[in-house]
Amino acid sequence: MRSCVRRALMSISLASAALAQENQTVSPRDPQIEKIVAEISPEKIEATIRKLVSFKTRHTLSSPTNPDTGIGAARNWIKAELDRYRHDTGGRLDVEFDAFHQPPAPRLPQSAEIVNVVATLPGSQPAANDRVYVVSGHYDSRSLQIMDTDTLAPGADDDASGTAVAMELARVMSSRTFDATIVFMAVAGEEQGLFGAEHWAKTAREKGVNVGAMFTDDIVGNTLREDGTRDRSCVRVFAEGVPPMKELTDDALAQIKTGGENDFPTRQLARLIQAVGARYVPQLPVKIIYRRDRYLRGGDHLPFLAAGYAAVRFTEPHEVYARQHQDVRIEHGVRYGDEIEFVDFGYVADVARVNAAAIAELASAPATPRGVEIEAVKLENDTTLRWEPNVEPDLGGYRIVWRDTTAPQWEHSLDVPKDETHATVPGVSKDNAIFGVAAVDDAGHASPAAYPKPRLK
């Protein structure tokens, strides 16, 4: 009897909460994340980009030993900077070279040693520190000819800008504590075939590393259109929908059959990035692009997607192709080359702020709930969801979110106490809405939502 009364009271409470939380899906602002965002420095980002450009070329096959020029000098300087951040924060960062032998490939006529520079900030919570969030930029560059190792290749935007984002996040965030682990990477071999990122992602998958999400920042510094007008209106975040596999898993097929083709983990990640960015960096809206990358092109997030991890790409609003993969020159009155004067350092700083806020939210929040199901046992106009309990000690509860089937972002939410693993949303039919369930900690940090599987019995 008491159980029935308790369930009835719970239903009344949830119904009241649902009415109260219409269109209320925003978590409170975290003072620590606000401070992180405020400490991102355009001046330090500019200094990093200028230093990387000073190495003349960072081609993957350029000199590994010249102290002033080439990829070896660049990676040694990046590691020295990350080591300095480690020293400044009392050894909180673990900094290392991730070197490996890459056999010849279509864009690599000879074998080569590829070296990533990796800084890891270990998580502080035993229940969450095996969950890893990765942010990267690629520090190699190229000129017009893919195998030209000598010609000037400043790579200011592609991708000293993204490398500067990852390094600035390491500088600012390494003085803070997060529940989960954060990895800041400068990877090499991107222009030759995404080699550095592929090696790290494949190794992580082989070792069973729980990568919660991966961000790559690639070409995030230009705000000039080809006609010379400036656009700082947004940062594009490319987010894959249905994974392009030859054979989909049973779970993936079930998700597509129930209308969840826009709710695979990478799209859920992008929604969180957009929402968190709006909360902390309103001057730079996140524009989600429903593609895995630019049309028929690729970046360092692709190997992470191939390994089964949620991963997105950050890129500026308009690419100017005269400044990508070009020799520095003026031809027929057109200026070519990826030179530093075309980088908008304030814009790069705002991109870094969006990255930092989203990574900090993810690394502070509980994990996305597992075993999320939506009851489909009988025909009804209420919607009941179930999930497995989270184990984090600071778990505050769960958040059911929903939206119209044609809406891109969550529109409504219902908070559920942490000791409950099921709840009913009264009067909202699963026929008409897309649902998800997120986990929320005591401070209000929320995980990406999980799309529910159908529960048939």
Protein backbone atom coordinates (compact mmCIF):
# COMPACT_ATOMS: atom_id res chain seq x y z
CA MET A 1 0.00 0.00 0.00
CA ARG A 2 2.77 2.43 0.98
CA SER A 3 4.52 1.64 -2.31
CA CYS A 4 1.37 2.51 -4.28
CA VAL A 5 0.90 5.76 -2.35
CA ARG A 6 4.56 6.63 -2.89
CA ARG A 7 4.26 6.03 -6.65
CA ALA A 8 1.09 8.12 -6.79
CA LEU A 9 2.75 10.99 -4.95
CA MET A 10 5.77 10.66 -7.21
CA SER A 11 3.55 10.88 -10.30
CA ILE A 12 1.83 14.01 -8.93
CA SER A 13 5.21 15.53 -8.11
CA LEU A 14 6.61 14.75 -11.55
CA ALA A 15 3.53 16.11 -13.26
CA SER A 16 3.87 19.37 -11.36
CA ALA A 17 7.56 19.51 -12.13
CA ALA A 18 6.90 18.89 -15.82
CA LEU A 19 4.57 21.87 -15.95
CA ALA A 20 7.09 23.99 -14.05
CA GLN A 21 9.99 23.04 -16.31
CA GLU A 22 8.46 23.68 -19.73
CA ASN A 23 11.27 25.15 -21.83
CA GLN A 24 13.67 25.01 -18.84
CA THR A 25 16.60 22.83 -19.93
CA VAL A 26 19.48 25.12 -18.90
CA SER A 27 21.77 24.24 -15.99
CA PRO A 28 23.09 26.92 -13.59
CA ARG A 29 26.37 28.68 -14.36
CA ASP A 30 29.46 27.26 -12.65
CA PRO A 31 31.81 29.92 -11.17
CA GLN A 32 34.85 27.75 -11.95
CA ILE A 33 33.89 27.47 -15.63
CA GLU A 34 33.27 31.22 -15.73
CA LYS A 35 36.81 31.79 -14.41
CA ILE A 36 38.29 29.36 -16.94
CA VAL A 37 36.53 31.15 -19.78
CA ALA A 38 37.70 34.53 -18.47
CA GLU A 39 41.34 33.40 -18.27
CA ILE A 40 41.58 32.34 -21.92
CA SER A 41 44.04 34.88 -23.34
CA PRO A 42 44.05 36.16 -26.95
CA GLU A 43 47.59 37.44 -26.34
CA LYS A 44 48.91 34.04 -25.30
CA ILE A 45 47.12 32.41 -28.22
CA GLU A 46 48.72 34.93 -30.55
CA ALA A 47 52.16 34.25 -29.08
CA THR A 48 51.69 30.50 -29.59
CA ILE A 49 50.59 30.89 -33.21
CA ARG A 50 53.46 33.28 -33.97
CA LYS A 51 55.96 30.83 -32.49
CA LEU A 52 54.61 27.92 -34.52
CA VAL A 53 54.73 30.01 -37.70
CA SER A 54 58.36 30.91 -36.95
CA PHE A 55 59.45 27.32 -37.65
CA LYS A 56 58.96 28.10 -41.40
CA THR A 57 57.51 24.67 -42.17
CA ARG A 58 56.10 21.94 -39.96
CA HIS A 59 55.76 19.38 -42.74
CA THR A 60 55.60 15.85 -41.35
CA LEU A 61 58.78 14.89 -43.25
CA SER A 62 60.67 18.12 -42.55
CA SER A 63 63.77 18.07 -40.35
CA PRO A 64 63.31 16.33 -37.00
CA THR A 65 66.66 17.60 -35.71
CA ASN A 66 67.10 21.21 -36.86
CA PRO A 67 66.77 23.35 -33.69
CA ASP A 68 65.11 26.27 -35.47
CA THR A 69 63.16 24.98 -38.45
CA GLY A 70 60.89 22.04 -39.17
CA ILE A 71 58.62 19.67 -37.35
CA GLY A 72 61.21 18.53 -34.82
CA ALA A 73 61.80 22.06 -33.56
CA ALA A 74 58.03 22.64 -33.40
CA ARG A 75 57.25 19.55 -31.34
CA ASN A 76 60.15 20.17 -28.97
CA TRP A 77 58.87 23.69 -28.33
CA ILE A 78 55.28 22.47 -27.81
CA LYS A 79 56.45 19.90 -25.27
CA ALA A 80 58.61 22.48 -23.49
CA GLU A 81 55.60 24.79 -23.18
CA LEU A 82 53.39 22.00 -21.83
CA ASP A 83 56.18 21.04 -19.42
CA ARG A 84 56.21 24.66 -18.25
CA TYR A 85 52.47 24.50 -17.59
CA ARG A 86 53.12 21.29 -15.68
CA HIS A 87 55.76 23.01 -13.54
CA ASP A 88 53.56 26.06 -12.95
CA THR A 89 50.73 23.87 -11.62
CA GLY A 90 52.84 21.66 -9.38
CA GLY A 91 53.07 18.66 -11.66
CA ARG A 92 49.36 18.28 -12.31
CA LEU A 93 49.87 17.56 -16.04
CA ASP A 94 51.49 14.40 -17.38
CA VAL A 95 53.36 15.46 -20.54
CA GLU A 96 54.90 13.05 -23.02
CA PHE A 97 55.75 12.37 -26.64
CA ASP A 98 53.57 9.72 -28.26
CA ALA A 99 55.92 8.52 -31.01
CA PHE A 100 55.32 5.68 -33.46
CA HIS A 101 56.58 4.29 -36.76
CA GLN A 102 54.30 5.02 -39.72
CA PRO A 103 54.76 2.81 -42.81
CA PRO A 104 54.59 4.35 -46.31
CA ALA A 105 51.13 5.44 -47.46
CA PRO A 106 49.63 7.23 -50.49
CA ARG A 107 50.68 10.64 -49.12
CA LEU A 108 53.77 9.30 -47.38
CA PRO A 109 56.26 7.79 -49.85
CA GLN A 110 58.65 6.73 -47.11
CA SER A 111 58.21 5.46 -43.59
CA ALA A 112 58.48 8.07 -40.87
CA GLU A 113 58.40 8.60 -37.14
CA ILE A 114 55.23 10.48 -36.25
CA VAL A 115 55.20 12.22 -32.89
CA ASN A 116 52.16 13.49 -31.02
CA VAL A 117 52.62 15.73 -28.00
CA VAL A 118 50.19 14.71 -25.27
CA ALA A 119 49.36 16.38 -21.95
CA THR A 120 47.03 14.51 -19.60
CA LEU A 121 45.20 16.03 -16.63
CA PRO A 122 44.11 13.05 -14.52
CA GLY A 123 40.59 13.06 -13.12
CA SER A 124 40.17 13.35 -9.36
CA GLN A 125 37.07 11.22 -8.81
CA PRO A 126 37.63 7.43 -8.62
CA ALA A 127 34.19 6.79 -10.11
CA ALA A 128 34.92 9.04 -13.11
CA ASN A 129 38.67 9.29 -13.72
CA ASP A 130 38.67 6.44 -16.25
CA ARG A 131 36.39 8.58 -18.44
CA VAL A 132 38.54 10.64 -20.85
CA TYR A 133 37.83 13.80 -22.85
CA VAL A 134 40.23 14.72 -25.66
CA VAL A 135 40.84 18.10 -27.32
CA SER A 136 43.36 18.37 -30.15
CA GLY A 137 44.85 20.45 -32.94
CA HIS A 138 47.36 19.27 -35.54
CA TYR A 139 50.71 21.03 -35.52
CA ASP A 140 51.99 19.85 -38.92
CA SER A 141 51.62 22.12 -41.97
CA ARG A 142 52.02 21.87 -45.73
CA SER A 143 52.50 23.98 -48.86
CA LEU A 144 50.97 23.55 -52.32
CA GLN A 145 52.79 20.29 -53.12
CA ILE A 146 51.90 17.68 -50.53
CA MET A 147 55.43 16.21 -50.47
CA ASP A 148 57.33 19.53 -50.46
CA THR A 149 59.28 19.52 -47.20
CA ASP A 150 61.28 22.71 -47.79
CA THR A 151 58.97 25.45 -49.09
CA LEU A 152 57.66 27.98 -46.57
CA ALA A 153 54.47 26.59 -45.01
CA PRO A 154 53.43 28.91 -42.15
CA GLY A 155 50.24 27.00 -41.34
CA ALA A 156 48.99 29.91 -39.22
CA ASP A 157 45.31 28.99 -39.51
CA ASP A 158 45.77 25.36 -40.62
CA ASP A 159 46.45 24.46 -37.94
CA ALA A 160 48.54 26.56 -35.59
CA SER A 161 45.18 28.07 -34.58
CA GLY A 162 43.78 24.72 -33.40
CA THR A 163 47.05 23.73 -31.75
CA ALA A 164 46.98 27.04 -29.87
CA VAL A 165 43.45 26.26 -28.67
CA ALA A 166 44.52 22.88 -27.24
CA MET A 167 47.61 24.39 -25.61
CA GLU A 168 45.69 27.32 -24.12
CA LEU A 169 43.17 24.94 -22.61
CA ALA A 170 46.02 22.95 -21.10
CA ARG A 171 47.51 26.13 -19.62
CA VAL A 172 44.28 27.39 -18.07
CA MET A 173 42.58 24.13 -17.07
CA SER A 174 45.59 22.32 -15.58
CA SER A 175 45.34 24.44 -12.43
CA ARG A 176 41.82 23.11 -11.79
CA THR A 177 40.38 19.80 -10.66
CA PHE A 178 37.87 17.79 -12.67
CA ASP A 179 36.16 14.49 -11.96
CA ALA A 180 37.10 12.95 -15.31
CA THR A 181 40.42 12.95 -17.17
CA ILE A 182 41.21 15.51 -19.89
CA VAL A 183 43.80 14.98 -22.64
CA PHE A 184 45.22 17.94 -24.55
CA MET A 185 46.98 16.89 -27.77
CA ALA A 186 49.03 18.40 -30.56
CA VAL A 187 49.04 15.70 -33.24
CA ALA A 188 51.19 15.28 -36.35
CA GLY A 189 50.72 13.63 -39.72
CA GLU A 190 47.25 15.09 -40.31
CA GLU A 191 48.06 16.43 -43.76
CA GLN A 192 49.58 13.09 -44.80
CA GLY A 193 46.61 11.00 -43.69
CA LEU A 194 45.40 11.74 -40.12
CA PHE A 195 48.20 9.49 -38.86
CA GLY A 196 48.74 10.96 -35.41
CA ALA A 197 45.08 11.00 -34.46
CA GLU A 198 44.50 7.56 -35.96
CA HIS A 199 47.34 6.07 -33.92
CA TRP A 200 46.07 7.55 -30.66
CA ALA A 201 42.44 6.60 -31.30
CA LYS A 202 43.24 3.02 -32.35
CA THR A 203 45.56 2.53 -29.39
CA ALA A 204 42.87 3.87 -27.06
CA ARG A 205 40.29 1.49 -28.49
CA GLU A 206 42.67 -1.48 -28.22
CA LYS A 207 43.36 -0.61 -24.58
CA GLY A 208 39.66 -0.14 -23.82
CA VAL A 209 40.04 3.54 -22.95
CA ASN A 210 36.67 5.10 -22.18
CA VAL A 211 36.81 8.20 -24.38
CA GLY A 212 33.68 10.15 -23.52
CA ALA A 213 34.18 12.68 -26.32
CA MET A 214 36.79 14.12 -28.66
CA PHE A 215 37.06 17.67 -30.04
CA THR A 216 39.37 18.58 -32.89
CA ASP A 217 40.00 22.26 -33.61
CA ASP A 218 41.16 22.59 -37.19
CA ILE A 219 41.16 25.90 -39.08
CA VAL A 220 39.62 28.07 -36.36
CA GLY A 221 41.34 31.43 -36.93
CA ASN A 222 40.02 33.17 -40.03
CA THR A 223 37.03 35.52 -39.97
CA LEU A 224 37.47 37.10 -43.42
CA ARG A 225 35.34 35.99 -46.34
CA GLU A 226 36.81 35.81 -49.81
CA ASP A 227 35.23 39.19 -50.60
CA GLY A 228 37.11 40.80 -47.69
CA THR A 229 34.12 41.25 -45.36
CA ARG A 230 34.43 39.91 -41.81
CA ASP A 231 32.21 37.28 -40.19
CA ARG A 232 32.58 36.43 -36.49
CA SER A 233 28.99 35.24 -36.20
CA CYS A 234 29.60 31.63 -35.22
CA VAL A 235 31.89 28.64 -35.00
CA ARG A 236 30.86 25.61 -37.01
CA VAL A 237 30.73 22.26 -35.21
CA PHE A 238 30.53 19.31 -37.60
CA ALA A 239 28.66 16.41 -36.01
CA GLU A 240 28.00 13.03 -37.60
CA GLY A 241 24.52 11.52 -37.53
CA VAL A 242 24.10 7.83 -38.38
CA PRO A 243 27.56 6.21 -38.47
CA PRO A 244 28.41 5.30 -42.09
CA MET A 245 28.98 1.59 -41.51
CA LYS A 246 28.44 -1.15 -44.08
CA GLU A 247 26.39 -3.06 -41.53
CA LEU A 248 24.62 -1.31 -38.68
CA THR A 249 24.34 -2.92 -35.27
CA ASP A 250 20.97 -4.09 -33.98
CA ASP A 251 20.94 -1.17 -31.53
CA ALA A 252 21.61 1.32 -34.33
CA LEU A 253 18.86 -0.18 -36.49
CA ALA A 254 16.42 -0.02 -33.58
CA GLN A 255 17.31 3.62 -33.03
CA ILE A 256 16.72 4.48 -36.68
CA LYS A 257 13.43 2.56 -36.73
CA THR A 258 12.17 4.62 -33.79
CA GLY A 259 13.13 7.98 -35.31
CA GLY A 260 16.45 8.49 -33.54
CA GLU A 261 18.62 9.08 -36.60
CA ASN A 262 19.43 12.57 -35.26
CA ASP A 263 20.27 11.34 -31.76
CA PHE A 264 23.40 9.21 -32.01
CA PRO A 265 26.09 10.10 -29.45
CA THR A 266 27.96 12.64 -31.60
CA ARG A 267 24.79 14.66 -32.24
CA GLN A 268 24.00 14.52 -28.49
CA LEU A 269 27.52 15.82 -27.84
CA ALA A 270 27.01 18.67 -30.30
CA ARG A 271 23.77 19.67 -28.58
CA LEU A 272 25.58 19.89 -25.27
CA ILE A 273 28.39 21.97 -26.81
CA GLN A 274 25.85 24.36 -28.31
CA ALA A 275 23.94 24.74 -25.05
CA VAL A 276 27.04 25.17 -22.87
CA GLY A 277 28.57 27.59 -25.37
CA ALA A 278 25.43 29.74 -25.26
CA ARG A 279 25.60 29.77 -21.46
CA TYR A 280 29.24 30.84 -21.12
CA VAL A 281 30.29 32.34 -24.49
CA PRO A 282 27.15 34.01 -25.87
CA GLN A 283 29.18 36.22 -28.20
CA LEU A 284 30.11 33.18 -30.32
CA PRO A 285 27.12 30.98 -31.17
CA VAL A 286 27.78 27.36 -32.06
CA LYS A 287 26.35 26.41 -35.45
CA ILE A 288 25.91 22.64 -35.64
CA ILE A 289 26.50 21.24 -39.12
CA TYR A 290 24.76 17.93 -39.72
CA ARG A 291 27.77 16.35 -41.43
CA ARG A 292 30.75 14.39 -40.13
CA ASP A 293 33.03 16.99 -41.80
CA ARG A 294 33.09 19.39 -44.71
CA TYR A 295 31.82 17.85 -47.94
CA LEU A 296 33.97 14.78 -48.78
CA ARG A 297 36.80 16.11 -46.60
CA GLY A 298 38.22 14.96 -43.29
CA GLY A 299 39.97 15.82 -40.06
CA ASP A 300 41.41 14.28 -36.92
CA HIS A 301 38.02 13.48 -35.40
CA LEU A 302 37.35 10.86 -38.09
CA PRO A 303 39.65 8.17 -36.60
CA PHE A 304 37.86 8.65 -33.27
CA LEU A 305 34.50 8.18 -34.96
CA ALA A 306 35.89 5.05 -36.65
CA ALA A 307 36.93 3.76 -33.23
CA GLY A 308 33.37 4.20 -31.96
CA TYR A 309 33.85 7.42 -29.98
CA ALA A 310 31.73 10.57 -30.15
CA ALA A 311 33.82 13.23 -31.88
CA VAL A 312 33.27 16.63 -33.50
CA ARG A 313 35.21 19.17 -35.53
CA PHE A 314 35.37 22.92 -34.77
CA THR A 315 35.97 25.14 -37.82
CA GLU A 316 35.64 28.86 -38.66
CA PRO A 317 32.52 30.16 -40.50
CA HIS A 318 34.08 30.59 -43.98
CA GLU A 319 37.21 28.91 -45.31
CA VAL A 320 39.29 30.89 -47.79
CA TYR A 321 40.98 28.33 -50.02
CA ALA A 322 43.63 30.73 -51.29
CA ARG A 323 45.08 30.49 -47.79
CA GLN A 324 44.98 26.71 -47.41
CA HIS A 325 47.60 24.30 -48.74
CA GLN A 326 49.20 27.07 -50.81
CA ASP A 327 52.68 28.44 -51.42
CA VAL A 328 53.05 31.99 -50.13
CA ARG A 329 52.83 34.23 -53.21
CA ILE A 330 50.86 36.84 -55.13
CA GLU A 331 49.47 35.64 -58.44
CA HIS A 332 47.23 37.65 -60.79
CA GLY A 333 46.64 40.07 -57.94
CA VAL A 334 45.48 37.32 -55.56
CA ARG A 335 47.38 36.75 -52.33
CA TYR A 336 48.00 33.09 -51.49
CA GLY A 337 49.37 31.47 -48.37
CA ASP A 338 48.40 30.66 -44.78
CA GLU A 339 50.03 33.68 -43.18
CA ILE A 340 49.58 34.94 -39.65
CA GLU A 341 48.19 38.35 -40.56
CA PHE A 342 44.96 36.64 -41.62
CA VAL A 343 44.38 35.12 -38.15
CA ASP A 344 41.83 36.81 -35.87
CA PHE A 345 43.28 36.09 -32.41
CA GLY A 346 40.20 37.32 -30.55
CA TYR A 347 38.07 34.92 -32.56
CA VAL A 348 40.44 32.02 -31.81
CA ALA A 349 40.17 32.92 -28.12
CA ASP A 350 36.37 32.72 -28.30
CA VAL A 351 36.60 29.32 -29.99
CA ALA A 352 38.92 28.23 -27.16
CA ARG A 353 36.38 29.51 -24.62
CA VAL A 354 33.61 27.40 -26.15
CA ASN A 355 35.93 24.37 -26.10
CA ALA A 356 36.94 25.02 -22.50
CA ALA A 357 33.40 25.50 -21.23
CA ALA A 358 32.14 22.34 -22.93
CA ILE A 359 35.11 20.19 -21.86
CA ALA A 360 34.85 21.48 -18.29
CA GLU A 361 31.12 20.69 -18.21
CA LEU A 362 31.68 17.18 -19.54
CA ALA A 363 34.59 16.44 -17.19
CA SER A 364 32.61 17.71 -14.18
CA ALA A 365 29.31 15.98 -14.98
CA PRO A 366 28.37 12.36 -14.36
CA ALA A 367 28.55 9.88 -17.21
CA THR A 368 25.67 9.61 -19.65
CA PRO A 369 23.17 7.12 -18.17
CA ARG A 370 23.29 3.56 -19.44
CA GLY A 371 20.48 1.18 -20.24
CA VAL A 372 17.99 3.94 -21.06
CA GLU A 373 14.68 2.54 -22.26
CA ILE A 374 11.27 3.90 -23.19
CA GLU A 375 8.29 1.72 -22.28
CA ALA A 376 6.31 0.50 -25.28
CA VAL A 377 4.31 -2.24 -23.59
CA LYS A 378 0.92 -0.62 -24.15
CA LEU A 379 -0.62 2.21 -26.14
CA GLU A 380 -0.86 5.35 -24.02
CA ASN A 381 -0.31 9.09 -24.23
CA ASP A 382 2.06 9.25 -21.25
CA THR A 383 5.75 8.36 -21.71
CA THR A 384 7.68 6.29 -19.18
CA LEU A 385 11.47 5.95 -19.26
CA ARG A 386 13.84 3.69 -17.32
CA TRP A 387 17.62 3.63 -16.89
CA GLU A 388 20.43 2.07 -14.88
CA PRO A 389 21.68 3.97 -11.82
CA ASN A 390 24.83 6.09 -12.06
CA VAL A 391 27.58 5.44 -9.51
CA GLU A 392 29.17 8.88 -9.03
CA PRO A 393 29.14 10.00 -5.37
CA ASP A 394 28.11 13.55 -6.31
CA LEU A 395 25.18 12.44 -8.45
CA GLY A 396 22.36 14.93 -7.99
CA GLY A 397 19.72 13.22 -10.11
CA TYR A 398 18.59 12.66 -13.66
CA ARG A 399 17.05 14.89 -16.30
CA ILE A 400 14.54 13.67 -18.83
CA VAL A 401 14.62 15.94 -21.87
CA TRP A 402 12.38 16.04 -24.90
CA ARG A 403 11.66 18.04 -28.02
CA ASP A 404 9.45 18.00 -31.09
CA THR A 405 10.66 15.52 -33.70
CA THR A 406 11.63 18.41 -36.01
CA ALA A 407 13.37 20.52 -33.32
CA PRO A 408 17.19 20.57 -33.32
CA GLN A 409 17.68 21.30 -29.60
CA TRP A 410 16.02 20.05 -26.40
CA GLU A 411 12.94 22.12 -25.56
CA HIS A 412 11.61 20.69 -22.29
CA SER A 413 12.96 18.87 -19.26
CA LEU A 414 11.92 17.06 -16.12
CA ASP A 415 14.32 16.53 -13.21
CA VAL A 416 14.13 13.22 -11.35
CA PRO A 417 15.61 12.44 -7.89
CA LYS A 418 18.84 10.45 -7.81
CA ASP A 419 17.26 7.44 -6.08
CA GLU A 420 14.78 6.97 -8.92
CA THR A 421 15.61 5.07 -12.09
CA HIS A 422 12.33 5.50 -13.89
CA ALA A 423 9.78 8.25 -14.36
CA THR A 424 6.67 9.08 -16.36
CA VAL A 425 6.18 12.28 -18.34
CA PRO A 426 2.40 12.72 -18.26
CA GLY A 427 0.54 13.85 -21.33
CA VAL A 428 3.51 13.76 -23.70
CA SER A 429 3.28 11.01 -26.29
CA LYS A 430 6.39 9.23 -27.54
CA ASP A 431 4.73 9.38 -30.97
CA ASN A 432 5.18 13.15 -31.08
CA ALA A 433 8.43 13.80 -29.24
CA ILE A 434 12.06 12.68 -29.09
CA PHE A 435 13.22 11.82 -25.57
CA GLY A 436 16.57 11.49 -23.84
CA VAL A 437 17.93 11.03 -20.33
CA ALA A 438 20.94 12.85 -18.88
CA ALA A 439 22.66 12.57 -15.49
CA VAL A 440 23.20 15.69 -13.38
CA ASP A 441 25.55 16.25 -10.45
CA ASP A 442 24.91 18.21 -7.25
CA ALA A 443 26.29 21.39 -8.86
CA GLY A 444 24.07 21.11 -11.94
CA HIS A 445 26.61 19.81 -14.49
CA ALA A 446 24.73 17.65 -16.97
CA SER A 447 25.93 14.82 -19.21
CA PRO A 448 24.94 14.46 -22.84
CA ALA A 449 21.56 12.77 -23.11
CA ALA A 450 21.12 9.12 -24.05
CA TYR A 451 18.55 8.10 -26.62
CA PRO A 452 16.22 5.39 -25.22
CA LYS A 453 15.79 1.94 -26.66
CA PRO A 454 12.26 0.51 -26.81
CA ARG A 455 11.24 -1.63 -23.81
CA LEU A 456 8.69 -4.17 -25.01
CA LYS A 457 8.00 -6.09 -21.82
